[in-house]
Amino acid sequence: MFDRKSTPLDVIVVGAGLSGLSCAIHLQRAGRNVVVLEASNGVGGRVRSDLVDGFTLDRGFQVLLTAYPEAKSMLDYNALQLRKFSSGAFVQLGDKRSYVADPLREPAALLKTLVARIGSLADKGRIGRLQIEATRRTTEQCFQSPDVSTADYLRAKHFSAKVIQRFFRPFFGGVFLDAELATSSRMFEFVFSMLAAGDNAIPAHGMGAISDQLASMVEPGTIRLGVRVAGVAPGTVTLLDQGTLEAPAVVVATEGPQAAKLLSEVGVKQSDSQPVSCLYYSADSPPFTERSIMLNGIGAEDGPINNLCVPTNISPALAPDGKHLVSATVLGSHNSSADENLEATVRNQMTKWFGAEARSWKHLRTYNIPHALPSQKPGALNPPERPVALGENLFVCGDHRDQASIQGALRSGRRAAEAVLG
């Protein structure tokens, strides 16, 4: 049976992902008695890491943009031991490979960037101008600009079809999990400004360390794992086979589809989701040693991989001594029954890219994530923040109520806490 606190509860938070943890932290700082109910066996939602054969595997390839305002205010970056990516990326074009980097951060890569086969010199100049514009733009301005698709935005900025296909599509398609670049240009401007203002980084021991750090900020006993919620109503949470819990306020902090299921009667609708698969491999030697990601500049004709990374180039602590970790990201929906075929296709593509050594890499795990990000097409971010107060002391938070990002998850949790307190 559920172990109920003797002290009356002020708030029940359903879900211990980033938004739920953020909400609980802000509520407890204001003196509220809070319980967080989590159906799974750990905190973090989609921001979790697993230990497999001595390797630390994030549940999908993820990075932290250090310029996120909410992350900077809540997280202790030093304690996370953040490890930074380089500013550059490899672009794989059949049997050719180019390197593209920010020359302001990597001056030594200027010549490589100028000759990179991703587009014209004019395209590269336009990227530079886009960076300058991004450094002058506030977050508020990003979400007040005209709202079109990212692809249309780039075309309106006079970028060529070549650079959109070879660079923007795999890079920002990997960020938004959207190969068509149909994501709102407002989200593109926001992410581009964060990239211009800070670094891409991962904690030394995996992205799950972010969730663990947030969980350590709430009072002991607050988070109850393995507690499944069957329904919510004003003042009441019904537990699966464990009765009910009561509190003046209830916050649903689950991912979008589950939030829509629990709150359908008060008008919360399910938004579309961006699915992704991530395949991890163990290698005796890395296919490259740079702290960069590799982009598929050709697209599906070359194979299913959108982007590939060697996380141990950034943080060796993610693998046992003498081993290296390879991560391959495939956009779109894939089910578990097709895992074997997907793995074979991915391995064939890696063999084309890196040679016969890829045949010997050990497949560690495939993560198929049907709801990796909320879809944010034009109109979805108007307004940029969806309401978190639903009336009758019911509240909702998550990246589906804000920007689809770590920033959005943390911010929506704070907004929900403020709404409860207000």
Protein backbone atom coordinates (compact mmCIF):
# COMPACT_ATOMS: atom_id res chain seq x y z
CA MET A 1 0.00 0.00 0.00
CA PHE A 2 1.02 3.58 -0.54
CA ASP A 3 2.85 5.01 2.49
CA ARG A 4 0.87 8.19 3.20
CA LYS A 5 2.35 11.11 5.10
CA SER A 6 0.73 11.92 8.40
CA THR A 7 0.99 15.65 7.68
CA PRO A 8 -1.77 16.86 5.34
CA LEU A 9 -0.53 17.44 1.81
CA ASP A 10 -0.68 20.81 0.12
CA VAL A 11 0.15 19.66 -3.40
CA ILE A 12 0.34 16.34 -5.28
CA VAL A 13 2.66 16.37 -8.30
CA VAL A 14 2.14 13.51 -10.77
CA GLY A 15 5.40 12.75 -12.58
CA ALA A 16 9.07 13.06 -11.58
CA GLY A 17 10.46 14.29 -14.88
CA LEU A 18 12.26 17.61 -15.14
CA SER A 19 9.07 19.68 -14.97
CA GLY A 20 7.68 17.78 -11.99
CA LEU A 21 10.95 18.05 -10.10
CA SER A 22 11.23 21.75 -10.90
CA CYS A 23 7.67 22.32 -9.70
CA ALA A 24 8.27 20.44 -6.45
CA ILE A 25 11.51 22.33 -5.75
CA HIS A 26 9.84 25.72 -6.11
CA LEU A 27 6.82 24.66 -4.04
CA GLN A 28 8.93 23.34 -1.19
CA ARG A 29 11.06 26.48 -1.18
CA ALA A 30 7.79 28.32 -0.56
CA GLY A 31 7.04 26.05 2.40
CA ARG A 32 4.44 23.74 0.84
CA ASN A 33 4.08 20.08 1.79
CA VAL A 34 4.47 18.19 -1.50
CA VAL A 35 4.50 14.59 -2.68
CA VAL A 36 5.72 13.57 -6.15
CA LEU A 37 4.28 10.36 -7.61
CA GLU A 38 6.32 8.58 -10.29
CA ALA A 39 5.13 5.46 -12.09
CA SER A 40 8.58 4.25 -13.14
CA ASN A 41 11.55 3.11 -11.05
CA GLY A 42 13.53 6.35 -11.36
CA VAL A 43 13.38 10.10 -11.78
CA GLY A 44 13.96 12.17 -14.89
CA GLY A 45 11.35 11.00 -17.39
CA ARG A 46 13.10 11.15 -20.76
CA VAL A 47 16.26 12.60 -19.19
CA ARG A 48 17.59 9.37 -17.68
CA SER A 49 20.71 7.24 -18.07
CA ASP A 50 21.12 3.48 -17.79
CA LEU A 51 24.18 1.40 -16.89
CA VAL A 52 24.69 -1.36 -19.47
CA ASP A 53 27.80 -3.56 -19.41
CA GLY A 54 29.70 -0.77 -17.67
CA PHE A 55 28.57 1.89 -20.20
CA THR A 56 26.38 4.85 -19.29
CA LEU A 57 23.67 5.17 -21.93
CA ASP A 58 21.38 8.19 -22.11
CA ARG A 59 17.85 7.42 -23.18
CA GLY A 60 18.35 8.96 -26.57
CA PHE A 61 21.19 11.25 -27.61
CA GLN A 62 20.74 14.51 -25.72
CA VAL A 63 22.81 17.56 -24.86
CA LEU A 64 22.43 20.50 -22.48
CA LEU A 65 22.65 23.98 -23.97
CA THR A 66 24.45 25.80 -21.17
CA ALA A 67 22.87 29.16 -22.06
CA TYR A 68 19.36 27.98 -21.12
CA PRO A 69 18.31 30.62 -18.54
CA GLU A 70 16.28 28.21 -16.41
CA ALA A 71 19.04 25.61 -16.36
CA LYS A 72 21.61 28.22 -15.34
CA SER A 73 19.43 29.35 -12.45
CA MET A 74 18.57 25.87 -11.14
CA LEU A 75 21.53 23.60 -11.87
CA ASP A 76 25.03 23.47 -10.39
CA TYR A 77 27.09 23.11 -13.56
CA ASN A 78 30.32 22.53 -11.64
CA ALA A 79 28.81 19.64 -9.70
CA LEU A 80 27.57 18.11 -12.96
CA GLN A 81 31.17 18.20 -14.27
CA LEU A 82 29.95 19.37 -17.66
CA ARG A 83 32.02 18.25 -20.64
CA LYS A 84 31.74 20.47 -23.71
CA PHE A 85 31.43 19.55 -27.37
CA SER A 86 33.52 21.42 -29.89
CA SER A 87 31.74 24.08 -31.91
CA GLY A 88 32.15 22.06 -35.10
CA ALA A 89 30.52 19.13 -36.84
CA PHE A 90 31.59 16.62 -39.44
CA VAL A 91 29.33 16.36 -42.48
CA GLN A 92 29.46 12.98 -44.21
CA LEU A 93 28.83 13.21 -47.96
CA GLY A 94 29.12 9.71 -49.37
CA ASP A 95 32.82 8.83 -49.22
CA LYS A 96 33.80 12.46 -48.53
CA ARG A 97 33.83 14.23 -45.17
CA SER A 98 33.82 17.95 -44.41
CA TYR A 99 34.31 19.80 -41.15
CA VAL A 100 32.33 22.92 -40.27
CA ALA A 101 33.00 25.04 -37.17
CA ASP A 102 32.44 28.46 -35.68
CA PRO A 103 35.67 30.28 -36.61
CA LEU A 104 35.28 32.62 -33.64
CA ARG A 105 35.51 29.66 -31.29
CA GLU A 106 37.80 27.50 -33.41
CA PRO A 107 40.03 29.86 -35.43
CA ALA A 108 42.20 26.94 -36.54
CA ALA A 109 39.20 25.45 -38.35
CA LEU A 110 38.56 28.53 -40.51
CA LEU A 111 40.15 27.11 -43.67
CA LYS A 112 38.40 23.74 -43.29
CA THR A 113 35.09 25.54 -42.87
CA LEU A 114 35.64 27.74 -45.91
CA VAL A 115 36.33 24.75 -48.16
CA ALA A 116 33.66 22.49 -46.62
CA ARG A 117 31.36 21.06 -49.29
CA ILE A 118 28.13 22.06 -47.57
CA GLY A 119 27.31 25.18 -49.59
CA SER A 120 28.73 28.30 -51.14
CA LEU A 121 30.90 30.95 -49.51
CA ALA A 122 27.80 33.15 -49.55
CA ASP A 123 25.95 30.50 -47.52
CA LYS A 124 28.74 30.46 -44.95
CA GLY A 125 28.66 34.23 -44.76
CA ARG A 126 24.92 34.10 -44.15
CA ILE A 127 25.49 31.63 -41.28
CA GLY A 128 27.90 34.16 -39.77
CA ARG A 129 25.32 36.92 -40.06
CA LEU A 130 22.72 34.64 -38.49
CA GLN A 131 25.06 34.16 -35.51
CA ILE A 132 25.53 37.90 -35.11
CA GLU A 133 21.76 38.43 -35.22
CA ALA A 134 21.28 35.65 -32.66
CA THR A 135 23.60 37.28 -30.13
CA ARG A 136 21.54 40.47 -30.31
CA ARG A 137 18.16 38.79 -29.95
CA THR A 138 16.44 38.24 -26.59
CA THR A 139 14.42 35.13 -25.83
CA GLU A 140 11.24 37.22 -25.87
CA GLN A 141 12.09 38.54 -29.33
CA CYS A 142 12.56 34.98 -30.63
CA PHE A 143 8.94 34.17 -29.81
CA GLN A 144 7.53 37.42 -31.18
CA SER A 145 8.95 37.06 -34.70
CA PRO A 146 6.88 35.87 -37.69
CA ASP A 147 6.00 32.19 -37.31
CA VAL A 148 6.79 29.98 -40.31
CA SER A 149 8.50 26.62 -40.72
CA THR A 150 12.26 26.51 -40.20
CA ALA A 151 12.71 25.42 -43.82
CA ASP A 152 10.73 28.44 -45.08
CA TYR A 153 12.63 30.74 -42.70
CA LEU A 154 15.99 29.57 -44.08
CA ARG A 155 14.83 29.97 -47.67
CA ALA A 156 13.63 33.49 -46.87
CA LYS A 157 17.14 34.21 -45.54
CA HIS A 158 18.42 33.22 -49.02
CA PHE A 159 20.22 30.04 -47.95
CA SER A 160 20.75 27.67 -50.85
CA ALA A 161 18.99 24.31 -51.12
CA LYS A 162 22.41 22.66 -50.82
CA VAL A 163 23.31 24.11 -47.41
CA ILE A 164 19.81 23.50 -46.10
CA GLN A 165 20.01 19.84 -47.18
CA ARG A 166 23.60 19.17 -46.17
CA PHE A 167 23.90 21.15 -42.94
CA PHE A 168 20.71 22.64 -41.50
CA ARG A 169 18.55 19.57 -42.14
CA PRO A 170 20.75 17.02 -40.32
CA PHE A 171 21.90 19.43 -37.58
CA PHE A 172 18.62 21.08 -36.62
CA GLY A 173 16.65 18.06 -37.75
CA GLY A 174 18.58 16.25 -35.02
CA VAL A 175 17.79 18.98 -32.49
CA PHE A 176 14.06 19.06 -33.30
CA LEU A 177 13.83 15.37 -34.35
CA ASP A 178 12.27 16.71 -37.54
CA ALA A 179 13.86 15.74 -40.85
CA GLU A 180 11.57 18.06 -42.81
CA LEU A 181 12.46 21.17 -40.76
CA ALA A 182 8.73 21.79 -40.33
CA THR A 183 9.36 23.03 -36.77
CA SER A 184 8.41 26.62 -35.96
CA SER A 185 11.02 29.22 -36.93
CA ARG A 186 10.49 30.73 -33.49
CA MET A 187 11.95 27.60 -31.95
CA PHE A 188 14.80 27.70 -34.48
CA GLU A 189 15.62 31.31 -33.55
CA PHE A 190 15.53 30.43 -29.84
CA VAL A 191 17.81 27.40 -30.18
CA PHE A 192 20.18 29.26 -32.52
CA SER A 193 20.47 32.09 -29.97
CA MET A 194 21.23 29.57 -27.20
CA LEU A 195 23.91 27.95 -29.36
CA ALA A 196 25.45 31.36 -30.07
CA ALA A 197 25.43 32.34 -26.38
CA GLY A 198 26.72 29.14 -24.77
CA ASP A 199 28.03 25.62 -25.26
CA ASN A 200 26.70 22.16 -26.01
CA ALA A 201 27.60 19.94 -23.08
CA ILE A 202 26.84 16.70 -21.27
CA PRO A 203 27.47 15.85 -17.61
CA ALA A 204 30.53 13.67 -17.14
CA HIS A 205 28.34 10.78 -15.98
CA GLY A 206 25.43 11.14 -18.37
CA MET A 207 22.35 13.29 -18.79
CA GLY A 208 20.62 11.44 -15.98
CA ALA A 209 22.89 13.34 -13.60
CA ILE A 210 20.75 16.43 -14.28
CA SER A 211 17.64 14.66 -13.02
CA ASP A 212 19.49 13.19 -10.06
CA GLN A 213 20.73 16.65 -9.07
CA LEU A 214 17.22 18.07 -9.22
CA ALA A 215 15.88 15.15 -7.18
CA SER A 216 18.51 15.83 -4.52
CA MET A 217 17.06 19.33 -4.09
CA VAL A 218 13.68 18.11 -2.82
CA GLU A 219 13.13 16.98 0.76
CA PRO A 220 13.79 13.29 1.53
CA GLY A 221 10.67 11.17 1.16
CA THR A 222 9.03 13.55 -1.29
CA ILE A 223 9.39 11.30 -4.36
CA ARG A 224 7.47 8.02 -4.40
CA LEU A 225 8.58 5.65 -7.15
CA GLY A 226 6.51 2.84 -8.67
CA VAL A 227 3.21 4.61 -7.92
CA ARG A 228 0.85 4.53 -10.88
CA VAL A 229 -1.92 7.08 -11.20
CA ALA A 230 -5.22 5.99 -12.73
CA GLY A 231 -6.97 9.37 -12.66
CA VAL A 232 -7.00 12.90 -11.33
CA ALA A 233 -9.80 15.21 -10.26
CA PRO A 234 -9.94 18.46 -8.28
CA GLY A 235 -8.43 17.67 -4.91
CA THR A 236 -8.03 13.94 -5.59
CA VAL A 237 -5.58 11.57 -7.25
CA THR A 238 -6.72 7.99 -7.80
CA LEU A 239 -3.93 5.44 -7.55
CA LEU A 240 -3.95 2.18 -9.44
CA ASP A 241 -4.93 -0.49 -6.87
CA GLN A 242 -3.86 1.78 -4.00
CA GLY A 243 -6.87 3.95 -3.20
CA THR A 244 -6.77 7.73 -3.42
CA LEU A 245 -4.73 10.70 -2.21
CA GLU A 246 -6.15 14.11 -1.44
CA ALA A 247 -4.64 17.58 -1.50
CA PRO A 248 -5.92 21.09 -2.23
CA ALA A 249 -3.86 21.27 -5.45
CA VAL A 250 -2.90 18.65 -8.05
CA VAL A 251 -0.21 19.19 -10.70
CA VAL A 252 0.06 16.79 -13.66
CA ALA A 253 3.70 16.83 -14.78
CA THR A 254 3.76 13.88 -17.16
CA GLU A 255 4.71 13.83 -20.83
CA GLY A 256 2.13 15.11 -23.27
CA PRO A 257 0.15 11.96 -24.16
CA GLN A 258 -0.31 10.92 -20.53
CA ALA A 259 -1.20 14.47 -19.47
CA ALA A 260 -3.88 14.57 -22.18
CA LYS A 261 -5.25 11.22 -20.98
CA LEU A 262 -5.44 12.29 -17.33
CA LEU A 263 -6.77 15.78 -18.06
CA SER A 264 -9.00 15.23 -21.10
CA GLU A 265 -12.11 16.24 -19.16
CA VAL A 266 -10.69 19.72 -18.53
CA GLY A 267 -9.71 20.29 -22.15
CA VAL A 268 -6.05 19.28 -22.34
CA LYS A 269 -5.49 17.83 -25.79
CA GLN A 270 -2.71 15.56 -26.95
CA SER A 271 -0.17 17.23 -29.22
CA ASP A 272 1.74 15.42 -31.94
CA SER A 273 5.04 13.86 -30.97
CA GLN A 274 8.44 13.55 -32.62
CA PRO A 275 9.70 9.94 -32.35
CA VAL A 276 13.33 8.85 -32.48
CA SER A 277 15.52 5.79 -32.10
CA CYS A 278 19.01 5.76 -30.65
CA LEU A 279 21.42 2.84 -31.05
CA TYR A 280 24.51 2.41 -28.88
CA TYR A 281 27.66 0.44 -29.66
CA SER A 282 30.85 -0.53 -27.85
CA ALA A 283 34.06 -0.05 -29.83
CA ASP A 284 37.68 -0.87 -29.04
CA SER A 285 38.82 2.30 -30.79
CA PRO A 286 36.83 5.42 -31.71
CA PRO A 287 35.94 6.07 -35.36
CA PHE A 288 37.17 9.65 -34.83
CA THR A 289 38.66 11.45 -31.84
CA GLU A 290 37.19 14.95 -32.13
CA ARG A 291 34.56 16.21 -29.66
CA SER A 292 32.09 16.66 -32.50
CA ILE A 293 28.96 15.14 -33.90
CA MET A 294 28.80 13.68 -37.40
CA LEU A 295 25.92 14.62 -39.71
CA ASN A 296 24.47 12.66 -42.61
CA GLY A 297 24.71 15.32 -45.32
CA ILE A 298 23.08 13.22 -48.02
CA GLY A 299 19.99 12.04 -46.18
CA ALA A 300 17.99 8.83 -46.38
CA GLU A 301 19.70 7.78 -49.62
CA ASP A 302 22.87 7.17 -47.62
CA GLY A 303 21.12 5.36 -44.77
CA PRO A 304 18.87 5.96 -41.76
CA ILE A 305 21.41 7.64 -39.44
CA ASN A 306 20.75 11.36 -39.08
CA ASN A 307 23.63 12.09 -36.70
CA LEU A 308 26.32 10.10 -34.94
CA CYS A 309 28.46 10.84 -31.91
CA VAL A 310 31.26 9.26 -29.88
CA PRO A 311 30.20 10.34 -26.37
CA THR A 312 33.43 9.01 -24.84
CA ASN A 313 35.36 11.61 -26.84
CA ILE A 314 33.57 14.15 -24.68
CA SER A 315 33.54 12.19 -21.41
CA PRO A 316 35.65 9.00 -21.12
CA ALA A 317 33.80 8.20 -17.86
CA LEU A 318 30.84 6.96 -19.91
CA ALA A 319 32.64 3.70 -20.76
CA PRO A 320 34.89 1.14 -19.07
CA ASP A 321 38.62 1.69 -19.39
CA GLY A 322 39.86 0.93 -22.89
CA LYS A 323 36.37 1.04 -24.45
CA HIS A 324 34.57 3.68 -26.48
CA LEU A 325 30.88 4.44 -26.89
CA VAL A 326 29.25 5.17 -30.25
CA SER A 327 25.74 6.65 -30.49
CA ALA A 328 23.68 6.66 -33.72
CA THR A 329 20.41 8.62 -33.97
CA VAL A 330 17.63 7.62 -36.39
CA LEU A 331 14.68 9.98 -36.79
CA GLY A 332 11.13 8.71 -37.10
CA SER A 333 9.10 5.90 -35.61
CA HIS A 334 10.48 2.37 -35.24
CA ASN A 335 9.00 -0.46 -33.21
CA SER A 336 10.80 -3.11 -31.18
CA SER A 337 9.87 -5.93 -33.55
CA ALA A 338 11.92 -4.23 -36.29
CA ASP A 339 14.97 -3.60 -34.08
CA GLU A 340 17.06 -6.31 -35.70
CA ASN A 341 16.50 -4.94 -39.20
CA LEU A 342 17.16 -1.37 -38.05
CA GLU A 343 20.38 -2.37 -36.34
CA ALA A 344 21.61 -4.17 -39.47
CA THR A 345 20.83 -1.16 -41.66
CA VAL A 346 22.55 1.23 -39.25
CA ARG A 347 25.60 -1.02 -39.07
CA ASN A 348 25.83 -1.14 -42.86
CA GLN A 349 25.82 2.65 -42.99
CA MET A 350 28.50 2.92 -40.28
CA THR A 351 30.61 0.42 -42.21
CA LYS A 352 30.40 2.65 -45.29
CA TRP A 353 31.46 5.62 -43.20
CA PHE A 354 34.21 4.05 -41.09
CA GLY A 355 35.24 0.82 -42.78
CA ALA A 356 35.25 -2.82 -41.70
CA GLU A 357 36.03 -2.01 -38.05
CA ALA A 358 32.39 -1.03 -37.55
CA ARG A 359 31.45 -4.67 -38.16
CA SER A 360 33.14 -5.62 -34.91
CA TRP A 361 31.36 -3.09 -32.72
CA LYS A 362 29.10 -4.64 -30.11
CA HIS A 363 25.50 -3.50 -30.16
CA LEU A 364 24.62 -2.52 -26.59
CA ARG A 365 21.02 -1.32 -26.79
CA THR A 366 18.41 0.33 -28.99
CA TYR A 367 16.05 2.91 -27.54
CA ASN A 368 12.82 3.46 -29.47
CA ILE A 369 11.22 6.60 -28.05
CA PRO A 370 7.77 7.30 -29.53
CA HIS A 371 7.36 10.57 -27.63
CA ALA A 372 10.84 12.07 -27.60
CA LEU A 373 9.71 15.68 -28.11
CA PRO A 374 6.41 17.47 -28.60
CA SER A 375 5.96 18.56 -32.20
CA GLN A 376 6.17 22.36 -32.47
CA LYS A 377 5.06 23.41 -35.92
CA PRO A 378 4.12 27.00 -36.77
CA GLY A 379 1.29 28.12 -34.52
CA ALA A 380 2.21 25.78 -31.67
CA LEU A 381 4.25 28.52 -29.98
CA ASN A 382 1.58 31.20 -30.24
CA PRO A 383 1.48 32.00 -27.40
CA PRO A 384 4.90 30.56 -26.53
CA GLU A 385 3.64 29.48 -23.10
CA ARG A 386 0.42 27.49 -22.82
CA PRO A 387 -1.67 27.91 -19.64
CA VAL A 388 -0.66 25.77 -16.66
CA ALA A 389 -3.66 26.60 -14.45
CA LEU A 390 -6.73 24.63 -15.52
CA GLY A 391 -9.18 25.80 -12.87
CA GLU A 392 -10.48 24.04 -9.74
CA ASN A 393 -6.91 23.79 -8.41
CA LEU A 394 -5.80 21.50 -11.24
CA PHE A 395 -2.49 22.37 -12.92
CA VAL A 396 -0.31 20.96 -15.69
CA CYS A 397 3.33 21.38 -16.69
CA GLY A 398 5.86 19.85 -19.08
CA ASP A 399 7.72 20.77 -22.22
CA HIS A 400 4.41 20.39 -24.09
CA ARG A 401 3.26 23.57 -22.28
CA ASP A 402 6.39 25.55 -23.18
CA GLN A 403 9.35 25.21 -25.56
CA ALA A 404 10.16 21.57 -26.32
CA SER A 405 13.50 21.55 -24.50
CA ILE A 406 15.14 21.20 -21.11
CA GLN A 407 14.59 24.95 -20.76
CA GLY A 408 10.88 24.53 -21.44
CA ALA A 409 10.46 21.63 -19.02
CA LEU A 410 12.16 23.45 -16.14
CA ARG A 411 10.39 26.72 -16.88
CA SER A 412 6.92 25.17 -17.09
CA GLY A 413 7.51 23.46 -13.73
CA ARG A 414 8.33 26.83 -12.17
CA ARG A 415 5.32 28.45 -13.83
CA ALA A 416 3.04 25.73 -12.44
CA ALA A 417 4.47 26.20 -8.94
CA GLU A 418 3.91 29.95 -9.20
CA ALA A 419 0.33 29.34 -10.33
CA VAL A 420 -0.30 27.06 -7.36
CA LEU A 421 1.17 29.62 -4.97
CA GLY A 422 -0.79 32.42 -6.60
